[in-house]
């Protein structure tokens, strides 16, 4: 089984993930502003009606002309007006005439025309474009991951191939000077067919003189190029087509300090010797005198 590193594959997802995050945040903001908040405002109104007339108030700001619709509606024979919260660059004839109002206070109203249908389309199209870019760029990476899982089990590893680099049209810096390369190799199959596989953008450093190629002999479009691919499989050949032994780096073993071999001391005996001066017992206490005199008692004390 071959062991293919996925670091370079995951680095290819950094730029698409940025588009995905921007698109997701934009989609959430648009959904809250155009769908959730209007639904909450609409739920507070318990009645609705159709406007009898629409008056367009014109605004001219330094030559920029906009129009604000003002709706007229009648409740219980009394006329009310409701002004939209947004302005438009033209008088939209398809604007909705539905007015939501409170039966307790009909002057409190909400308009469906606050966010017409074309504003919804423009607002949702931006985040969806970002998500589409993410899907477009992440799809090839997903195919690479699928191919790698297949090649790890069924691919043939070809070692020590010479290579050239090809520009991937992706820059590492904002000036476009440091470019991310792609790796191109040329290999002749045993049947005489010459193939020229080219890798995806390689984000790591290129310091090795040769590369390894893992390819499916039955599907030449399924391949992967990288440096020093480890393997425990016997399906390995070199650039000249000769079989090679598996190469796999075992997990590192904790470093151990070597034992210091001390030369034997010719004066020391080969086995431990008992101490020539064993410890002496504690000295015996001195003999006490035989004639002991009684301690004199005080006159007032009892004998």
Protein backbone atom coordinates (compact mmCIF):
# COMPACT_ATOMS: atom_id res chain seq x y z
CA UNK A 1 0.00 0.00 0.00
CA UNK A 2 1.32 3.44 -0.93
CA UNK A 3 1.24 6.33 1.51
CA UNK A 4 0.45 9.59 -0.28
CA UNK A 5 0.65 12.85 1.65
CA UNK A 6 -2.39 15.12 1.38
CA UNK A 7 -0.86 18.40 2.58
CA UNK A 8 -0.55 19.82 -0.93
CA UNK A 9 -4.11 18.74 -1.79
CA UNK A 10 -5.56 20.51 1.24
CA UNK A 11 -3.61 23.69 0.42
CA UNK A 12 -5.43 23.82 -2.91
CA UNK A 13 -8.69 24.24 -0.96
CA UNK A 14 -7.56 27.39 0.90
CA UNK A 15 -8.65 29.79 -1.83
CA UNK A 16 -12.01 28.07 -2.59
CA UNK A 17 -12.84 27.91 1.13
CA UNK A 18 -12.47 31.70 1.28
CA UNK A 19 -15.13 32.02 -1.42
CA UNK A 20 -17.33 29.55 0.44
CA UNK A 21 -17.11 31.53 3.69
CA UNK A 22 -17.91 34.84 1.95
CA UNK A 23 -20.80 33.27 0.04
CA UNK A 24 -22.23 31.60 3.13
CA UNK A 25 -22.07 34.77 5.22
CA UNK A 26 -23.62 36.78 2.40
CA UNK A 27 -26.39 34.26 1.94
CA UNK A 28 -27.18 34.34 5.65
CA UNK A 29 -27.27 38.14 5.69
CA UNK A 30 -29.52 38.35 2.63
CA UNK A 31 -31.86 35.68 3.98
CA UNK A 32 -32.20 37.53 7.29
CA UNK A 33 -32.73 40.90 5.62
CA UNK A 34 -35.07 39.93 2.79
CA UNK A 35 -36.89 36.87 4.12
CA UNK A 36 -36.81 36.52 7.91
CA UNK A 37 -37.20 40.15 8.97
CA UNK A 38 -40.08 40.85 6.51
CA UNK A 39 -41.78 37.67 7.67
CA UNK A 40 -41.54 38.85 11.28
CA UNK A 41 -42.92 42.30 10.40
CA UNK A 42 -45.70 40.75 8.35
CA UNK A 43 -46.67 38.42 11.19
CA UNK A 44 -47.28 41.41 13.45
CA UNK A 45 -50.02 42.64 11.12
CA UNK A 46 -53.32 40.78 11.42
CA UNK A 47 -55.03 42.28 8.34
CA UNK A 48 -54.21 43.12 4.77
CA UNK A 49 -55.77 44.85 1.82
CA UNK A 50 -54.97 46.08 -1.69
CA UNK A 51 -53.85 49.65 -2.23
CA UNK A 52 -56.28 51.79 -4.20
CA UNK A 53 -53.60 54.10 -5.55
CA UNK A 54 -49.81 54.50 -5.70
CA UNK A 55 -48.10 57.85 -5.71
CA UNK A 56 -44.40 58.05 -6.66
CA UNK A 57 -42.45 60.68 -4.77
CA UNK A 58 -39.39 61.80 -6.73
CA UNK A 59 -36.01 62.57 -5.14
CA UNK A 60 -33.21 64.37 -6.96
CA UNK A 61 -29.82 64.09 -5.27
CA UNK A 62 -27.19 65.73 -7.45
CA UNK A 63 -28.82 64.44 -10.60
CA UNK A 64 -29.49 60.97 -9.17
CA UNK A 65 -33.25 60.60 -9.44
CA UNK A 66 -35.05 57.98 -7.36
CA UNK A 67 -38.72 57.28 -6.62
CA UNK A 68 -40.39 56.27 -3.37
CA UNK A 69 -43.85 54.66 -3.64
CA UNK A 70 -46.61 55.85 -1.34
CA UNK A 71 -49.63 53.54 -1.12
CA UNK A 72 -53.18 54.66 -0.41
CA UNK A 73 -55.58 52.15 1.16
CA UNK A 74 -59.01 52.34 2.77
CA UNK A 75 -60.05 50.65 6.02
CA UNK A 76 -63.66 51.02 7.29
CA UNK A 77 -64.22 53.99 4.96
CA UNK A 78 -61.15 55.85 6.21
CA UNK A 79 -58.17 56.49 3.94
CA UNK A 80 -54.62 55.75 5.08
CA UNK A 81 -51.21 56.01 3.42
CA UNK A 82 -48.19 53.79 3.76
CA UNK A 83 -44.74 54.84 2.51
CA UNK A 84 -42.16 52.29 1.41
CA UNK A 85 -38.84 52.20 3.26
CA UNK A 86 -36.81 51.95 0.06
CA UNK A 87 -36.54 53.96 -3.14
CA UNK A 88 -36.21 52.79 -6.72
CA UNK A 89 -34.45 54.14 -9.75
CA UNK A 90 -37.60 53.92 -11.83
CA UNK A 91 -41.35 53.61 -11.42
CA UNK A 92 -41.92 49.89 -11.30
CA UNK A 93 -45.34 49.06 -12.78
CA UNK A 94 -45.18 45.46 -11.47
CA UNK A 95 -44.86 46.51 -7.85
CA UNK A 96 -47.07 44.65 -5.40
CA UNK A 97 -50.08 46.58 -4.13
CA UNK A 98 -50.59 44.42 -1.02
CA UNK A 99 -50.65 46.38 2.25
CA UNK A 100 -50.47 44.65 5.64
CA UNK A 101 -51.88 46.63 8.58
CA UNK A 102 -52.98 46.29 12.18
CA UNK A 103 -56.74 46.12 12.78
CA UNK A 104 -56.25 47.94 16.09
CA UNK A 105 -54.35 50.81 14.47
CA UNK A 106 -54.69 50.72 10.64
CA UNK A 107 -52.02 53.41 10.24
CA UNK A 108 -49.39 50.83 11.28
CA UNK A 109 -48.60 49.08 8.03
CA UNK A 110 -46.05 46.99 6.15
CA UNK A 111 -45.57 46.74 2.38
CA UNK A 112 -44.59 43.76 0.31
CA UNK A 113 -43.25 46.33 -2.15
CA UNK A 114 -40.43 47.18 0.26
CA UNK A 115 -38.43 44.37 -1.31
CA UNK A 116 -39.64 43.68 -4.87
CA UNK A 117 -38.81 40.51 -6.72
CA UNK A 118 -35.90 41.90 -8.72
CA UNK A 119 -34.14 43.06 -5.55
CA UNK A 120 -34.38 39.50 -4.25
CA UNK A 121 -32.76 38.20 -7.44
CA UNK A 122 -29.90 40.70 -7.31
CA UNK A 123 -29.31 40.19 -3.60
CA UNK A 124 -29.24 36.40 -3.74
CA UNK A 125 -27.18 36.22 -6.93
CA UNK A 126 -24.04 37.64 -5.25
CA UNK A 127 -23.62 34.99 -2.52
CA UNK A 128 -24.65 32.24 -4.94
CA UNK A 129 -21.90 33.31 -7.35
CA UNK A 130 -19.31 32.98 -4.56
CA UNK A 131 -20.64 29.54 -3.64
CA UNK A 132 -20.56 28.55 -7.30
CA UNK A 133 -16.89 29.54 -7.54
CA UNK A 134 -16.18 27.42 -4.48
CA UNK A 135 -17.94 24.40 -6.02
CA UNK A 136 -16.17 24.92 -9.36
CA UNK A 137 -12.71 25.00 -7.76
CA UNK A 138 -13.36 22.35 -5.09
CA UNK A 139 -14.68 19.76 -7.54
CA UNK A 140 -11.24 18.97 -9.09
CA UNK A 141 -9.76 18.67 -5.60
CA UNK A 142 -12.50 16.22 -4.67
CA UNK A 143 -11.63 14.14 -7.74
CA UNK A 144 -7.97 14.15 -6.71
CA UNK A 145 -8.82 12.84 -3.24
CA UNK A 146 -10.91 10.09 -4.78
CA UNK A 147 -8.08 9.14 -7.16
CA UNK A 148 -5.56 9.13 -4.31
CA UNK A 149 -7.64 6.65 -2.32
CA UNK A 150 -7.71 4.40 -5.39
CA UNK A 151 -4.00 4.79 -6.16
CA UNK A 152 -2.93 3.98 -2.60
CA UNK A 153 -4.30 0.46 -3.07
CA UNK A 154 -4.08 -0.25 -6.80
CA UNK A 155 -1.54 2.20 -8.22
CA UNK A 156 1.95 1.44 -9.49
CA UNK A 157 4.72 3.52 -7.97
CA UNK A 158 7.48 4.74 -10.32
CA UNK A 159 10.44 6.28 -8.55
CA UNK A 160 13.18 8.77 -9.40
CA UNK A 161 11.72 10.45 -12.48
CA UNK A 162 13.20 13.65 -13.82
CA UNK A 163 10.75 16.53 -14.05
CA UNK A 164 10.18 20.06 -15.27
CA UNK A 165 8.00 22.80 -13.80
CA UNK A 166 5.10 24.47 -15.55
CA UNK A 167 3.43 27.74 -14.54
CA UNK A 168 0.05 27.23 -12.86
CA UNK A 169 -1.06 30.87 -13.35
CA UNK A 170 -1.38 31.19 -9.56
CA UNK A 171 0.76 33.75 -7.73
CA UNK A 172 1.92 33.50 -4.14
CA UNK A 173 2.15 37.28 -3.70
CA UNK A 174 0.07 40.23 -4.81
CA UNK A 175 2.69 41.33 -7.35
CA UNK A 176 2.56 38.03 -9.25
CA UNK A 177 6.34 37.56 -9.12
CA UNK A 178 6.45 34.37 -7.03
CA UNK A 179 4.46 31.83 -9.05
CA UNK A 180 3.19 28.45 -7.88
CA UNK A 181 4.49 25.72 -10.22
CA UNK A 182 3.06 22.49 -11.57
CA UNK A 183 5.23 19.40 -11.97
CA UNK A 184 5.51 17.72 -15.37
CA UNK A 185 7.15 14.33 -15.98
CA UNK A 186 7.71 12.18 -19.05
CA UNK A 187 7.62 8.39 -18.80
CA UNK A 188 7.61 5.57 -21.35
CA UNK A 189 5.37 2.63 -20.48
CA UNK A 190 6.51 -0.98 -21.07
CA UNK A 191 4.35 -1.10 -24.23
CA UNK A 192 6.27 1.85 -25.70
CA UNK A 193 3.66 4.52 -25.04
CA UNK A 194 5.07 7.82 -23.75
CA UNK A 195 2.94 9.72 -21.30
CA UNK A 196 3.35 13.26 -19.98
CA UNK A 197 1.33 13.67 -16.74
CA UNK A 198 1.23 17.14 -15.16
CA UNK A 199 0.35 17.65 -11.51
CA UNK A 200 -1.89 20.28 -10.02
CA UNK A 201 -0.46 23.40 -8.35
CA UNK A 202 2.32 22.37 -5.99
CA UNK A 203 2.38 24.65 -2.94
CA UNK A 204 5.35 23.03 -1.20
CA UNK A 205 9.01 23.73 -1.74
CA UNK A 206 10.71 21.98 -4.67
CA UNK A 207 14.16 20.89 -3.54
CA UNK A 208 14.48 17.26 -4.69
CA UNK A 209 16.14 16.38 -7.99
CA UNK A 210 13.60 13.65 -8.84
CA UNK A 211 9.92 12.92 -8.21
CA UNK A 212 7.76 9.83 -7.79
CA UNK A 213 4.73 8.97 -9.89
CA UNK A 214 1.83 6.77 -8.81
CA UNK A 215 -0.36 5.75 -11.74
CA UNK A 216 -3.10 3.27 -12.52
CA UNK A 217 -1.86 1.18 -15.48
CA UNK A 218 -5.46 0.56 -16.54
CA UNK A 219 -6.44 4.25 -16.35
CA UNK A 220 -3.59 6.57 -17.30
CA UNK A 221 -5.61 9.66 -16.39
CA UNK A 222 -5.56 8.54 -12.74
CA UNK A 223 -2.16 9.52 -11.35
CA UNK A 224 -0.43 11.51 -8.62
CA UNK A 225 3.00 13.18 -8.56
CA UNK A 226 4.91 13.97 -5.38
CA UNK A 227 8.33 13.75 -3.78
CA UNK A 228 9.49 10.69 -1.79
CA UNK A 229 6.23 8.74 -1.75
CA UNK A 230 6.43 6.05 0.90
CA UNK A 231 5.13 2.56 0.24
CA UNK A 232 4.95 -0.94 1.65
CA UNK A 233 3.76 -2.43 -1.64
CA UNK A 234 5.81 -4.59 -3.98
CA UNK A 235 4.34 -2.82 -7.03
CA UNK A 236 7.29 -0.43 -7.35
CA UNK A 237 9.62 0.22 -10.29
CA UNK A 238 12.26 2.83 -11.00
CA UNK A 239 12.55 5.18 -13.95
CA UNK A 240 14.17 2.41 -16.01
CA UNK A 241 11.40 -0.09 -15.31
CA UNK A 242 13.39 -2.17 -12.82
CA UNK A 243 11.58 -3.47 -9.71
CA UNK A 244 12.46 -1.84 -6.41
CA UNK A 245 12.06 -2.86 -2.83
CA UNK A 246 9.37 -1.18 -0.75
CA UNK A 247 10.38 1.92 1.10
CA UNK A 248 8.51 3.01 4.18
CA UNK A 249 9.70 5.24 6.97
CA UNK A 250 8.75 3.69 10.32
CA UNK A 251 7.58 5.94 13.10
CA UNK A 252 10.46 7.60 14.94
CA UNK A 253 11.86 5.80 17.95
CA UNK A 254 12.67 7.91 21.01
CA UNK A 255 16.36 8.65 21.14
CA UNK A 256 18.22 6.63 23.75
CA UNK A 257 21.57 7.42 25.25
CA UNK A 258 24.20 4.77 24.41
CA UNK A 259 25.74 2.89 27.27
CA UNK A 260 29.28 3.89 28.13
CA UNK A 261 31.50 0.79 28.09
CA UNK A 262 33.98 1.38 30.91
CA UNK A 263 37.28 -0.51 30.55
CA UNK A 264 37.83 -2.99 33.38
CA UNK A 265 40.07 -1.88 36.24
CA UNK A 266 42.87 -4.42 36.58
CA UNK A 267 43.20 -3.66 40.30
CA UNK A 268 39.55 -4.28 41.11
CA UNK A 269 38.42 -7.85 41.78
CA UNK A 270 35.93 -9.41 39.37
CA UNK A 271 33.41 -9.98 42.14
CA UNK A 272 32.41 -8.06 45.26
CA UNK A 273 34.54 -8.69 48.32
CA UNK A 274 33.31 -8.47 51.88
CA UNK A 275 34.50 -5.48 53.88
CA UNK A 276 37.76 -6.26 55.63
CA UNK A 277 36.85 -4.02 58.56
CA UNK A 278 33.32 -4.96 59.61
CA UNK A 279 31.45 -2.47 61.74
CA UNK A 280 32.16 -2.79 65.49
CA UNK A 281 29.32 -3.17 68.02
CA UNK A 282 28.43 -0.30 70.31
CA UNK A 283 30.71 -0.13 73.35
CA UNK A 284 29.29 -1.51 76.56
CA UNK A 285 28.32 1.01 79.22
CA UNK A 286 30.89 1.47 82.02
CA UNK A 287 30.47 -0.53 85.21
CA UNK A 288 28.45 1.32 87.79
CA UNK A 289 29.91 1.70 91.29
CA UNK A 290 28.80 -0.89 93.82
CA UNK A 291 28.59 1.34 96.94
CA UNK A 292 25.76 3.73 96.32
CA UNK A 293 24.78 6.23 99.05
CA UNK A 294 21.06 7.03 99.56
CA UNK A 295 20.00 10.52 98.57
CA UNK A 296 19.33 12.61 101.69
CA UNK A 297 15.74 13.67 102.22
CA UNK A 298 14.62 17.07 103.46
CA UNK A 299 13.28 17.23 107.00
CA UNK A 300 9.81 18.35 105.91
CA UNK A 301 9.51 15.66 103.27
CA UNK A 302 8.19 12.25 103.90
CA UNK A 303 10.68 9.49 103.84
